[in-house]
Protein backbone atom coordinates (compact mmCIF):
# COMPACT_ATOMS: atom_id res chain seq x y z
CA UNK A 1 81.02 115.78 146.32
CA UNK A 2 79.71 117.80 143.63
CA UNK A 3 81.95 120.81 144.64
CA UNK A 4 85.00 118.41 144.52
CA UNK A 5 84.28 117.39 140.88
CA UNK A 6 83.89 121.15 139.95
CA UNK A 7 87.01 121.80 141.60
CA UNK A 8 88.96 119.14 139.96
CA UNK A 9 87.24 120.10 136.38
CA UNK A 10 88.56 123.85 137.01
CA UNK A 11 92.02 122.88 137.95
CA UNK A 12 92.39 120.89 134.86
CA UNK A 13 91.19 123.78 132.66
CA UNK A 14 93.32 126.27 134.31
CA UNK A 15 96.58 124.11 134.13
CA UNK A 16 96.25 123.54 130.14
CA UNK A 17 96.42 127.47 129.97
CA UNK A 18 100.09 127.42 131.25
CA UNK A 19 101.65 125.10 128.38
CA UNK A 20 104.24 126.90 126.26
CA UNK A 21 103.64 126.94 122.47
CA UNK A 22 105.59 124.24 120.76
CA UNK A 23 106.89 125.46 117.25
CA UNK A 24 108.72 124.04 114.60
CA UNK A 25 111.65 126.06 112.87
CA UNK A 26 112.63 128.10 115.75
CA UNK A 27 116.36 126.93 115.65
CA UNK A 28 118.95 126.88 112.96
CA UNK A 29 117.43 126.50 109.12
CA UNK A 30 118.76 123.49 107.32
CA UNK A 31 121.38 124.08 104.54
CA UNK A 32 120.67 122.65 101.01
CA UNK A 33 121.91 119.28 100.59
CA UNK A 34 124.19 120.11 97.60
CA UNK A 35 126.13 122.45 99.86
CA UNK A 36 127.78 119.74 101.78
CA UNK A 37 129.09 119.41 105.09
CA UNK A 38 132.46 121.01 105.03
CA UNK A 39 134.24 117.67 105.28
CA UNK A 40 136.46 116.23 102.52
CA UNK A 41 134.81 112.91 102.30
CA UNK A 42 132.77 113.40 99.13
CA UNK A 43 132.70 111.72 95.67
CA UNK A 44 135.65 112.68 93.44
CA UNK A 45 134.69 115.29 90.95
CA UNK A 46 131.98 117.02 93.02
CA UNK A 47 132.62 120.41 94.68
CA UNK A 48 130.75 121.46 97.70
CA UNK A 49 127.86 124.16 96.47
CA UNK A 50 127.65 122.75 92.91
CA UNK A 51 124.04 122.12 92.54
CA UNK A 52 124.17 120.91 88.82
CA UNK A 53 127.01 118.39 89.93
CA UNK A 54 125.05 117.22 92.91
CA UNK A 55 121.79 116.62 90.63
CA UNK A 56 123.96 114.64 88.06
CA UNK A 57 125.42 112.38 91.00
CA UNK A 58 121.97 111.66 92.22
CA UNK A 59 120.87 110.77 88.80
CA UNK A 60 123.74 108.39 88.19
CA UNK A 61 123.19 106.83 91.40
CA UNK A 62 119.57 106.16 90.82
CA UNK A 63 120.37 104.79 87.26
CA UNK A 64 122.79 102.43 88.49
CA UNK A 65 121.28 100.80 91.48
CA UNK A 66 117.67 101.36 91.65
CA UNK A 67 116.64 100.99 87.91
CA UNK A 68 115.14 97.81 87.66
CA UNK A 69 115.31 97.90 83.78
CA UNK A 70 118.91 98.37 83.64
CA UNK A 71 119.57 95.09 85.85
CA UNK A 72 117.49 92.91 83.58
CA UNK A 73 120.53 91.83 81.37
């Protein structure tokens, strides 16, 4: 009985050695969000690849919809 337990333990140890490594980022890298998707569905006045325009759009959206102080009136 003792030999059977040793064989099971040895089999478990050896089976763990055959696992493939799981790494992140091995595929395609993400593009910057301000570069756009290549589709025509965008806010008017903003061009794809315009980082400053992207940041100003985010600021405007944040101030309009998420600023509690601006909604108190």
